[in-house]
C-alpha atoms as a PDB file:
ATOM      1  CA  UNK A   1      59.299  16.276  62.993  1.00  0.00           C
ATOM      2  CA  UNK A   2      61.413  18.709  61.074  1.00  0.00           C
ATOM      3  CA  UNK A   3      65.115  18.325  61.690  1.00  0.00           C
ATOM      4  CA  UNK A   4      65.986  22.010  61.365  1.00  0.00           C
ATOM      5  CA  UNK A   5      64.803  25.322  62.755  1.00  0.00           C
ATOM      6  CA  UNK A   6      65.369  28.565  60.836  1.00  0.00           C
ATOM      7  CA  UNK A   7      67.508  31.117  62.700  1.00  0.00           C
ATOM      8  CA  UNK A   8      65.345  34.170  61.931  1.00  0.00           C
ATOM      9  CA  UNK A   9      61.688  33.326  62.454  1.00  0.00           C
ATOM     10  CA  UNK A  10      62.252  29.968  64.156  1.00  0.00           C
ATOM     11  CA  UNK A  11      60.276  28.119  61.491  1.00  0.00           C
ATOM     12  CA  UNK A  12      60.632  24.353  61.170  1.00  0.00           C
ATOM     13  CA  UNK A  13      61.894  22.816  57.940  1.00  0.00           C
ATOM     14  CA  UNK A  14      63.709  19.776  56.616  1.00  0.00           C
ATOM     15  CA  UNK A  15      60.968  17.159  56.742  1.00  0.00           C
ATOM     16  CA  UNK A  16      61.499  13.947  54.818  1.00  0.00           C
ATOM     17  CA  UNK A  17      58.867  12.799  52.314  1.00  0.00           C
ATOM     18  CA  UNK A  18      55.764  11.480  54.104  1.00  0.00           C
ATOM     19  CA  UNK A  19      57.344  12.141  57.526  1.00  0.00           C
ATOM     20  CA  UNK A  20      55.030  12.161  60.518  1.00  0.00           C
ATOM     21  CA  UNK A  21      54.512  15.607  62.065  1.00  0.00           C
ATOM     22  CA  UNK A  22      54.659  17.597  58.849  1.00  0.00           C
ATOM     23  CA  UNK A  23      51.046  18.735  59.171  1.00  0.00           C
ATOM     24  CA  UNK A  24      51.351  20.117  62.721  1.00  0.00           C
ATOM     25  CA  UNK A  25      54.765  21.665  62.061  1.00  0.00           C
ATOM     26  CA  UNK A  26      53.634  23.333  58.862  1.00  0.00           C
ATOM     27  CA  UNK A  27      50.451  24.549  60.580  1.00  0.00           C
ATOM     28  CA  UNK A  28      52.593  26.267  63.242  1.00  0.00           C
ATOM     29  CA  UNK A  29      54.779  27.808  60.511  1.00  0.00           C
ATOM     30  CA  UNK A  30      51.778  29.233  58.682  1.00  0.00           C
ATOM     31  CA  UNK A  31      50.295  30.682  61.904  1.00  0.00           C
ATOM     32  CA  UNK A  32      53.628  32.392  62.597  1.00  0.00           C
ATOM     33  CA  UNK A  33      53.808  33.882  59.109  1.00  0.00           C
ATOM     34  CA  UNK A  34      50.218  35.097  59.307  1.00  0.00           C
ATOM     35  CA  UNK A  35      50.925  36.695  62.696  1.00  0.00           C
ATOM     36  CA  UNK A  36      54.152  38.571  61.946  1.00  0.00           C
ATOM     37  CA  UNK A  37      54.317  39.241  58.207  1.00  0.00           C
ATOM     38  CA  UNK A  38      53.273  42.848  57.500  1.00  0.00           C
ATOM     39  CA  UNK A  39      52.969  43.287  61.268  1.00  0.00           C
ATOM     40  CA  UNK A  40      50.347  45.710  62.533  1.00  0.00           C
ATOM     41  CA  UNK A  41      48.934  45.760  66.068  1.00  0.00           C
ATOM     42  CA  UNK A  42      45.914  47.492  67.547  1.00  0.00           C
ATOM     43  CA  UNK A  43      47.846  48.780  70.581  1.00  0.00           C
ATOM     44  CA  UNK A  44      50.866  48.333  72.827  1.00  0.00           C
ATOM     45  CA  UNK A  45      49.328  49.838  75.966  1.00  0.00           C
ATOM     46  CA  UNK A  46      47.176  46.905  77.142  1.00  0.00           C
ATOM     47  CA  UNK A  47      48.507  44.658  79.916  1.00  0.00           C
ATOM     48  CA  UNK A  48      45.565  42.238  79.692  1.00  0.00           C
ATOM     49  CA  UNK A  49      43.521  40.990  76.760  1.00  0.00           C
ATOM     50  CA  UNK A  50      40.460  42.839  75.524  1.00  0.00           C
ATOM     51  CA  UNK A  51      37.189  41.279  76.664  1.00  0.00           C
ATOM     52  CA  UNK A  52      35.882  40.378  73.211  1.00  0.00           C
ATOM     53  CA  UNK A  53      38.835  40.079  70.803  1.00  0.00           C
ATOM     54  CA  UNK A  54      38.155  39.352  67.157  1.00  0.00           C
ATOM     55  CA  UNK A  55      39.923  36.524  65.374  1.00  0.00           C
ATOM     56  CA  UNK A  56      43.248  37.836  64.067  1.00  0.00           C
ATOM     57  CA  UNK A  57      43.610  40.795  66.458  1.00  0.00           C
ATOM     58  CA  UNK A  58      47.236  41.506  67.389  1.00  0.00           C
ATOM     59  CA  UNK A  59      48.778  43.476  70.246  1.00  0.00           C
ATOM     60  CA  UNK A  60      52.196  44.180  71.702  1.00  0.00           C
ATOM     61  CA  UNK A  61      51.767  43.140  75.319  1.00  0.00           C
ATOM     62  CA  UNK A  62      52.444  46.040  77.728  1.00  0.00           C
ATOM     63  CA  UNK A  63      54.543  45.943  80.910  1.00  0.00           C
ATOM     64  CA  UNK A  64      53.298  43.956  83.928  1.00  0.00           C
ATOM     65  CA  UNK A  65      50.801  41.828  81.997  1.00  0.00           C
ATOM     66  CA  UNK A  66      48.032  39.888  83.741  1.00  0.00           C
ATOM     67  CA  UNK A  67      45.593  37.111  82.960  1.00  0.00           C
ATOM     68  CA  UNK A  68      46.190  35.194  79.740  1.00  0.00           C
ATOM     69  CA  UNK A  69      49.042  37.583  78.929  1.00  0.00           C
ATOM     70  CA  UNK A  70      50.971  37.121  82.206  1.00  0.00           C
ATOM     71  CA  UNK A  71      54.714  36.805  81.593  1.00  0.00           C
ATOM     72  CA  UNK A  72      54.449  37.910  77.954  1.00  0.00           C
ATOM     73  CA  UNK A  73      55.495  41.603  78.170  1.00  0.00           C
ATOM     74  CA  UNK A  74      56.824  42.960  74.859  1.00  0.00           C
ATOM     75  CA  UNK A  75      55.655  39.929  72.887  1.00  0.00           C
ATOM     76  CA  UNK A  76      53.181  39.906  70.018  1.00  0.00           C
ATOM     77  CA  UNK A  77      49.822  38.493  71.181  1.00  0.00           C
ATOM     78  CA  UNK A  78      47.643  37.136  68.391  1.00  0.00           C
ATOM     79  CA  UNK A  79      44.069  35.904  68.780  1.00  0.00           C
ATOM     80  CA  UNK A  80      43.459  32.819  66.626  1.00  0.00           C
ATOM     81  CA  UNK A  81      40.585  30.373  66.807  1.00  0.00           C
ATOM     82  CA  UNK A  82      39.565  31.441  70.322  1.00  0.00           C
ATOM     83  CA  UNK A  83      43.058  31.268  71.855  1.00  0.00           C
ATOM     84  CA  UNK A  84      46.029  33.583  72.337  1.00  0.00           C
ATOM     85  CA  UNK A  85      49.333  32.793  70.634  1.00  0.00           C
ATOM     86  CA  UNK A  86      52.528  34.659  71.517  1.00  0.00           C
ATOM     87  CA  UNK A  87      55.602  35.452  69.450  1.00  0.00           C
ATOM     88  CA  UNK A  88      58.866  36.857  70.763  1.00  0.00           C
ATOM     89  CA  UNK A  89      59.953  39.700  68.457  1.00  0.00           C
ATOM     90  CA  UNK A  90      63.367  39.660  66.817  1.00  0.00           C
ATOM     91  CA  UNK A  91      65.703  42.630  66.440  1.00  0.00           C
ATOM     92  CA  UNK A  92      64.759  44.622  63.338  1.00  0.00           C
ATOM     93  CA  UNK A  93      61.074  43.706  63.198  1.00  0.00           C
ATOM     94  CA  UNK A  94      58.911  46.668  62.258  1.00  0.00           C
ATOM     95  CA  UNK A  95      55.326  47.113  63.366  1.00  0.00           C
ATOM     96  CA  UNK A  96      52.593  49.631  62.624  1.00  0.00           C
ATOM     97  CA  UNK A  97      50.852  50.552  65.881  1.00  0.00           C
ATOM     98  CA  UNK A  98      47.309  51.475  64.915  1.00  0.00           C
ATOM     99  CA  UNK A  99      46.158  53.494  67.943  1.00  0.00           C
ATOM    100  CA  UNK A 100      49.327  55.655  67.838  1.00  0.00           C
ATOM    101  CA  UNK A 101      49.615  55.884  64.041  1.00  0.00           C
ATOM    102  CA  UNK A 102      53.376  55.159  64.241  1.00  0.00           C
ATOM    103  CA  UNK A 103      55.828  52.649  62.815  1.00  0.00           C
ATOM    104  CA  UNK A 104      58.016  51.118  65.563  1.00  0.00           C
ATOM    105  CA  UNK A 105      61.128  48.933  65.354  1.00  0.00           C
ATOM    106  CA  UNK A 106      62.201  46.213  67.774  1.00  0.00           C
ATOM    107  CA  UNK A 107      65.705  46.926  69.122  1.00  0.00           C
ATOM    108  CA  UNK A 108      67.873  45.194  71.756  1.00  0.00           C
ATOM    109  CA  UNK A 109      66.249  47.523  74.312  1.00  0.00           C
ATOM    110  CA  UNK A 110      62.667  46.787  73.174  1.00  0.00           C
ATOM    111  CA  UNK A 111      60.198  48.568  70.907  1.00  0.00           C
ATOM    112  CA  UNK A 112      61.149  52.060  69.713  1.00  0.00           C
ATOM    113  CA  UNK A 113      58.928  55.077  70.357  1.00  0.00           C
ATOM    114  CA  UNK A 114      57.991  55.021  66.675  1.00  0.00           C
ATOM    115  CA  UNK A 115      57.907  57.352  63.727  1.00  0.00           C
ATOM    116  CA  UNK A 116      54.642  59.054  62.727  1.00  0.00           C
ATOM    117  CA  UNK A 117      53.239  57.789  59.453  1.00  0.00           C
END
């Protein structure tokens, strides 16, 4: 497996040539990039997943989450290949929130109220 983890996105790197684990580590890196680069979410008001999410849908998990989202409040939930993946936001991340039509920033206190776009 990769010997190093990047301090910003937490991506793995530093594999040696033909090292075992490269494929799974790189797959995780690419899923992370696809989830958070140019971040846009459908909503941040849901505390449980929608009943029929499309592949690639993203949400900011609301307070007091239940079901598959339990314990993931404030995180980015991404639906990929029939499963939910979760990413802890980092300070400074920006996100367009589609149902509010605002651009929000992640701060030490959580997601900002947002600026209208």
